[in-house]
Protein backbone atom coordinates (compact mmCIF):
# COMPACT_ATOMS: atom_id res chain seq x y z
CA MET A 1 -15.92 -8.70 71.20
CA LEU A 2 -16.09 -5.23 69.24
CA ALA A 3 -15.13 -6.96 66.11
CA ASP A 4 -17.97 -9.23 66.46
CA LEU A 5 -20.24 -6.35 67.24
CA ARG A 6 -19.22 -4.35 64.39
CA ASP A 7 -19.72 -7.21 62.25
CA GLU A 8 -23.18 -7.69 63.56
CA ALA A 9 -24.10 -4.06 62.70
CA ALA A 10 -22.88 -4.70 59.22
CA GLN A 11 -24.98 -7.75 59.03
CA SER A 12 -28.27 -6.03 60.50
CA ALA A 13 -28.21 -3.92 57.27
CA ASN A 14 -29.69 -7.16 55.34
CA ILE A 15 -32.50 -7.66 57.57
CA LYS A 16 -35.67 -7.09 55.64
CA SER A 17 -38.13 -5.50 57.93
CA THR A 18 -37.60 -1.96 58.07
CA VAL A 19 -38.62 -1.50 61.90
CA THR A 20 -36.75 -4.58 63.04
CA ARG A 21 -33.57 -3.11 60.89
CA LYS A 22 -33.90 0.02 62.64
CA ASN A 23 -34.42 -1.43 66.01
CA VAL A 24 -31.37 -3.77 65.69
CA GLY A 25 -29.20 -1.19 64.08
CA SER A 26 -29.83 1.29 66.72
CA ALA A 27 -29.39 -1.27 69.61
CA LEU A 28 -26.04 -2.33 68.25
CA ALA A 29 -24.89 1.17 67.79
CA SER A 30 -25.71 2.19 71.52
CA VAL A 31 -23.71 -1.16 72.67
CA LEU A 32 -20.97 -0.39 70.57
CA ALA A 33 -20.82 3.08 71.87
CA ARG A 34 -21.11 1.92 75.57
CA VAL A 35 -18.38 -0.97 75.30
CA THR A 36 -15.91 1.68 73.29
CA GLN A 37 -16.12 3.82 76.53
CA TYR A 38 -13.87 1.46 78.57
CA GLY A 39 -10.90 1.09 75.88
CA ALA A 40 -8.06 -1.10 76.79
CA ALA A 41 -9.45 -1.48 80.41
CA PRO A 42 -12.48 -3.55 80.32
CA PRO A 43 -13.86 -4.24 84.26
CA ASP A 44 -12.05 -7.09 85.97
CA ASN A 45 -15.16 -9.16 86.27
CA GLY A 46 -16.52 -8.28 82.78
CA MET A 47 -19.60 -6.36 81.99
CA ALA A 48 -23.15 -7.19 80.51
CA VAL A 49 -25.10 -4.87 78.02
CA PHE A 50 -28.60 -5.20 77.55
CA CYS A 51 -30.24 -2.91 74.84
CA GLY A 52 -33.32 -2.91 73.08
CA THR A 53 -36.39 -1.06 71.92
CA ILE A 54 -39.30 -0.91 74.36
CA GLY A 55 -42.73 -0.08 73.19
CA ASN A 56 -45.36 1.29 75.52
CA GLY A 57 -48.36 1.66 73.14
CA HIS A 58 -47.31 5.18 72.14
CA LYS A 59 -43.94 5.88 71.51
CA ASP A 60 -40.94 3.23 71.31
CA LYS A 61 -37.95 4.12 73.32
CA LEU A 62 -34.44 2.71 73.08
CA GLU A 63 -33.15 1.38 76.64
CA THR A 64 -29.53 0.48 77.41
CA ILE A 65 -28.57 -1.10 80.65
CA VAL A 66 -24.97 -1.71 81.66
CA ILE A 67 -23.97 -3.97 84.56
CA ASP A 68 -20.22 -3.52 84.90
CA ASP A 69 -17.76 -5.51 87.18
CA PRO A 70 -20.39 -7.74 88.92
CA LEU A 71 -19.71 -9.75 91.81
CA GLU A 72 -18.28 -12.49 90.17
CA PRO A 73 -16.32 -12.89 86.84
CA ILE A 74 -18.82 -13.45 83.87
CA PRO A 75 -17.97 -17.01 82.76
CA VAL A 76 -19.09 -16.76 79.15
CA TYR A 77 -19.19 -14.35 76.14
CA ARG A 78 -22.61 -14.38 74.70
CA TYR A 79 -24.26 -12.40 72.07
CA ARG A 80 -28.07 -12.82 71.53
CA CYS A 81 -30.44 -10.92 69.50
CA GLY A 82 -34.05 -11.75 70.34
CA SER A 83 -37.57 -10.40 71.93
CA THR A 84 -35.81 -11.40 75.57
CA PHE A 85 -32.95 -10.64 77.45
CA ASP A 86 -30.64 -13.54 78.51
CA THR A 87 -29.94 -12.99 81.87
CA ALA A 88 -29.33 -16.51 82.85
CA PRO A 89 -25.69 -15.84 83.66
CA LEU A 90 -26.17 -13.05 86.14
CA GLU A 91 -29.18 -14.97 87.67
CA ALA A 92 -26.68 -17.75 88.53
CA MET A 93 -24.35 -15.52 90.34
CA LEU A 94 -27.30 -14.32 92.66
CA ILE A 95 -28.25 -17.51 93.58
CA SER A 96 -24.84 -19.19 93.96
CA HIS A 97 -23.60 -17.85 97.28
CA ASP A 98 -22.23 -21.38 98.64
CA VAL A 99 -18.69 -20.93 100.08
CA TYR A 100 -16.57 -24.23 100.53
CA GLY A 101 -12.93 -24.53 101.70
CA LEU A 102 -10.61 -26.50 99.48
CA ILE A 103 -7.37 -28.10 100.68
CA VAL A 104 -5.26 -30.60 98.78
CA ILE A 105 -2.07 -32.02 100.24
CA ASP A 106 0.79 -34.55 100.00
CA ALA A 107 4.16 -35.14 101.30
CA SER A 108 5.70 -32.50 99.03
CA GLU A 109 3.22 -29.68 98.66
CA SER A 110 -0.06 -28.27 99.61
CA THR A 111 -2.56 -25.97 98.26
CA ILE A 112 -5.77 -24.25 99.94
CA GLY A 113 -8.28 -22.36 98.37
CA ILE A 114 -11.88 -21.03 98.63
CA LEU A 115 -14.61 -22.03 96.17
CA ARG A 116 -17.29 -19.34 95.83
CA GLY A 117 -20.27 -20.78 93.55
CA THR A 118 -18.12 -22.08 90.48
CA HIS A 119 -15.10 -19.46 90.95
CA ILE A 120 -12.02 -20.99 92.79
CA GLU A 121 -9.80 -18.49 94.75
CA PRO A 122 -6.41 -20.07 95.28
CA VAL A 123 -5.42 -18.75 98.84
CA ALA A 124 -1.86 -20.19 99.54
CA THR A 125 0.56 -22.83 98.32
CA PHE A 126 3.20 -24.41 100.32
CA THR A 127 6.43 -26.68 99.70
CA SER A 128 7.50 -29.12 102.27
CA TYR A 129 11.21 -30.20 103.39
CA VAL A 130 9.82 -33.68 104.39
CA PRO A 131 12.42 -36.05 103.06
CA SER A 132 11.50 -38.73 100.52
CA LYS A 133 11.26 -42.42 102.15
CA HIS A 134 13.86 -43.38 99.74
CA SER A 135 16.60 -40.74 100.83
CA ARG A 136 17.88 -41.89 104.04
CA GLY A 137 21.38 -40.49 103.61
CA GLY A 138 23.32 -43.20 105.59
CA GLN A 139 20.85 -42.71 108.65
CA SER A 140 19.45 -45.67 110.52
CA ALA A 141 15.97 -46.53 109.45
CA PRO A 142 14.39 -45.81 112.67
CA ARG A 143 16.27 -42.40 113.11
CA PHE A 144 15.33 -41.48 109.52
CA GLU A 145 11.64 -42.42 109.81
CA ARG A 146 11.51 -40.24 113.22
CA LEU A 147 12.89 -37.25 111.50
CA ARG A 148 10.65 -37.63 108.48
CA THR A 149 7.46 -38.14 111.15
CA ILE A 150 8.76 -34.71 112.63
CA ALA A 151 9.12 -32.89 109.31
CA LEU A 152 5.61 -34.02 108.15
CA HIS A 153 4.06 -32.89 111.19
CA GLU A 154 5.52 -29.45 111.18
CA PHE A 155 4.36 -29.28 107.51
CA PHE A 156 0.84 -30.35 108.48
CA LYS A 157 0.57 -27.74 111.05
CA LYS A 158 1.84 -24.93 108.70
CA VAL A 159 -0.79 -26.01 106.33
CA ALA A 160 -3.64 -26.19 109.14
CA ASP A 161 -2.71 -23.04 110.74
CA ALA A 162 -3.08 -21.13 107.10
CA ALA A 163 -6.60 -23.11 106.61
CA ASN A 164 -7.74 -21.96 109.98
CA LEU A 165 -6.63 -18.37 109.16
CA ALA A 166 -8.35 -18.32 105.80
CA PHE A 167 -11.71 -20.35 106.63
CA VAL A 168 -12.53 -19.69 110.29
CA GLY A 169 -15.07 -16.90 110.40
CA ALA A 170 -15.40 -17.10 106.55
CA ASP A 171 -19.02 -18.20 106.50
CA ILE A 172 -17.64 -21.45 105.21
CA LYS A 173 -20.17 -24.02 104.43
CA GLY A 174 -17.97 -27.03 104.27
CA ILE A 175 -14.48 -28.28 103.80
CA VAL A 176 -13.19 -30.77 101.03
CA VAL A 177 -9.89 -32.23 101.17
CA GLY A 178 -7.99 -34.02 98.35
CA GLY A 179 -4.51 -35.41 97.64
CA LEU A 180 -2.55 -38.51 97.85
CA SER A 181 -3.17 -41.33 99.98
CA PRO A 182 -2.25 -41.81 102.73
CA THR A 183 -1.04 -38.35 103.36
CA LYS A 184 -4.29 -36.60 103.18
CA ASP A 185 -5.91 -39.11 105.58
CA GLN A 186 -2.96 -38.61 107.96
CA PHE A 187 -3.38 -34.62 107.76
CA ILE A 188 -7.03 -35.14 108.59
CA LYS A 189 -6.27 -37.41 111.58
CA THR A 190 -3.87 -35.13 113.22
CA GLU A 191 -6.63 -32.79 114.30
CA LEU A 192 -4.65 -29.80 113.53
CA LEU A 193 -7.62 -28.30 111.81
CA HIS A 194 -9.69 -25.81 113.95
CA HIS A 195 -12.61 -28.10 115.76
CA GLU A 196 -15.19 -25.79 114.14
CA LEU A 197 -13.70 -26.67 110.63
CA ARG A 198 -13.24 -30.22 111.44
CA LYS A 199 -17.13 -30.84 111.83
CA ILE A 200 -17.93 -29.54 108.47
CA VAL A 201 -15.51 -31.58 106.36
CA VAL A 202 -17.96 -32.95 103.92
CA GLY A 203 -15.77 -35.10 101.79
CA ILE A 204 -12.02 -36.55 101.17
CA TYR A 205 -10.92 -37.38 97.65
CA ASP A 206 -8.12 -38.66 95.84
CA THR A 207 -6.36 -36.22 93.46
CA CYS A 208 -3.40 -36.37 91.29
CA TYR A 209 -2.40 -32.89 91.75
CA THR A 210 -1.77 -30.76 95.00
CA ASN A 211 -1.18 -27.49 93.23
CA ALA A 212 -3.67 -24.72 92.00
CA SER A 213 -4.57 -27.55 89.00
CA GLY A 214 -5.52 -29.71 92.31
CA LEU A 215 -7.99 -27.45 93.50
CA ASP A 216 -9.93 -27.70 90.17
CA GLU A 217 -9.71 -31.33 90.31
CA LEU A 218 -10.92 -31.39 93.91
CA ALA A 219 -13.93 -29.26 93.09
CA ARG A 220 -14.73 -31.49 90.23
CA ALA A 221 -14.31 -34.75 92.42
CA ALA A 222 -16.63 -33.13 95.16
CA ARG A 223 -19.24 -31.62 92.86
CA ASP A 224 -21.87 -34.45 93.76
CA THR A 225 -20.86 -34.19 97.65
CA ILE A 226 -21.28 -30.44 97.64
CA MET A 227 -24.52 -30.61 96.02
CA ASP A 228 -25.73 -32.86 98.54
CA ALA A 229 -24.29 -30.78 101.35
CA ASP A 230 -26.21 -27.74 99.67
CA THR A 231 -29.46 -29.64 99.35
CA ARG A 232 -29.20 -30.65 103.05
CA HIS A 233 -28.33 -26.89 104.03
CA GLN A 234 -31.17 -25.73 102.15
CA LYS A 235 -33.98 -28.18 103.57
CA ASP A 236 -32.20 -27.44 107.19
CA GLN A 237 -33.05 -23.77 106.56
CA ILE A 238 -36.80 -24.57 105.85
CA ASP A 239 -37.01 -27.08 108.63
CA ARG A 240 -35.48 -24.47 111.26
CA PHE A 241 -38.08 -21.96 109.97
CA LEU A 242 -41.07 -24.26 110.32
CA THR A 243 -39.95 -25.15 113.96
CA GLU A 244 -39.82 -21.35 114.70
CA LEU A 245 -43.00 -20.86 112.96
CA GLY A 246 -44.65 -23.53 115.25
CA THR A 247 -42.91 -22.85 118.47
CA GLY A 248 -42.01 -19.31 118.68
CA THR A 249 -42.46 -15.83 117.55
CA ARG A 250 -39.00 -15.39 115.72
CA ALA A 251 -40.23 -16.27 112.20
CA ARG A 252 -42.28 -14.30 109.41
CA TYR A 253 -43.41 -14.92 105.93
CA GLY A 254 -44.91 -13.09 102.92
CA ARG A 255 -43.34 -9.71 101.56
CA ALA A 256 -44.95 -7.50 103.55
CA SER A 257 -44.23 -8.98 106.76
CA VAL A 258 -40.65 -9.86 106.00
CA CYS A 259 -39.98 -6.32 104.75
CA GLU A 260 -41.26 -4.43 107.69
CA SER A 261 -38.93 -6.51 109.87
CA LEU A 262 -35.90 -6.01 107.74
CA GLU A 263 -36.63 -2.22 108.06
CA ARG A 264 -36.70 -2.72 111.78
CA GLY A 265 -33.26 -4.41 111.62
CA ALA A 266 -34.74 -7.49 113.10
CA VAL A 267 -33.96 -10.15 110.77
CA ALA A 268 -31.28 -12.49 111.27
CA THR A 269 -31.66 -14.70 107.90
CA LEU A 270 -33.79 -13.95 105.23
CA LEU A 271 -34.98 -16.77 102.99
CA LEU A 272 -35.84 -16.42 99.28
CA ALA A 273 -37.13 -18.62 96.50
CA ALA A 274 -35.95 -16.12 93.93
CA PRO A 275 -33.97 -12.91 93.88
CA ASP A 276 -35.67 -9.91 95.15
CA PRO A 277 -33.24 -6.80 94.71
CA VAL A 278 -35.51 -4.81 97.20
CA LEU A 279 -35.70 -6.98 100.03
CA GLU A 280 -31.72 -7.97 99.44
CA THR A 281 -30.81 -4.50 99.52
CA LEU A 282 -32.29 -4.01 103.07
CA ALA A 283 -30.82 -7.25 104.32
CA GLU A 284 -27.61 -6.10 103.36
CA ARG A 285 -28.10 -2.67 104.91
CA TYR A 286 -29.06 -4.27 108.15
CA GLY A 287 -26.49 -7.12 108.11
CA SER A 288 -29.22 -9.97 107.52
CA MET A 289 -27.64 -13.07 105.86
CA ILE A 290 -29.50 -13.94 102.75
CA GLU A 291 -30.33 -17.71 102.08
CA TYR A 292 -31.63 -18.84 98.68
CA ILE A 293 -33.81 -21.71 98.70
CA ASP A 294 -34.14 -23.59 95.31
CA PRO A 295 -37.92 -24.71 94.61
CA LYS A 296 -36.73 -27.71 93.09
CA ILE A 297 -34.89 -28.66 96.20
CA ASP A 298 -37.84 -27.65 98.71
CA GLU A 299 -40.84 -26.26 97.14
CA ARG A 300 -42.39 -25.33 100.48
CA LEU A 301 -41.03 -21.62 100.53
CA HIS A 302 -42.41 -21.09 97.05
CA THR A 303 -45.87 -22.84 97.20
CA VAL A 304 -46.77 -22.09 100.66
CA PHE A 305 -45.00 -19.01 102.00
CA GLY A 306 -45.31 -16.83 98.85
CA ASP A 307 -41.40 -17.02 98.11
CA VAL A 308 -40.20 -14.91 101.18
CA ALA A 309 -39.60 -15.89 104.74
CA ALA A 310 -37.45 -14.80 107.62
CA LEU A 311 -35.94 -15.76 110.73
CA LEU A 312 -35.73 -13.03 113.44
CA ARG A 313 -33.03 -12.04 115.69
CA TYR A 314 -35.54 -10.81 118.42
């Protein structure tokens, strides 16, 4: 990145406009100074630097904004020179808060993970001691099959226990299971997963791998299902709000009313059609859940209620 910035700084000397050449050169020098401060230890999740000359009608001012170590890893390296800041990668982080549990399993191994937006976090990998169907070792077929069934059940229990520990109480929106048939289907039928998790299994898919690569494969296979589940969830949130608005007193809309409720600590769930740093800060301070409603999925929050609504605790 430093090499690219230095190259851009050198190329900026060729800009014909004196004002533009000065502004671009000053911005690149400021960005280089900020990035160089981190040396060989950049933030784990990357960083975003926005720099430009802001005109206020009287005197121009160079502004530099650094966002280091955001909530999620920044997925792209991007340099842009233009009249506006490109904040799309950061905006995607603000909107994508959905969390799904992933389980891939066959008779030989299993991996569980958590999908947060687009980021997959492997949680645990297990190797089984279930004997192959082709290795009976001189045992009778019925006895071998009984021992294999017992070993497979113990393996399923180990995986389910780990999934229960990782997912229960973790605000998981849905569970997606993958692996080879018929093992993954047998795993679901054992009902070893916690009953709260079994209720939110949103998809079961065939995958070739059951290691960390299998988690990536599963997330890709389940993309449409997860999107459908997210669509349903957002619509359910708006329906719940409208029901409460019509029949009870635990609903508010409009920025002023919602802000007052947040400051009283009365908001259970804050509904936003677009990021709002001030309201989000209040929600985090008082432990309110934040739900983002995409206007493309349900436009009512945006068009009718001014982008902001809330479900109250009391």
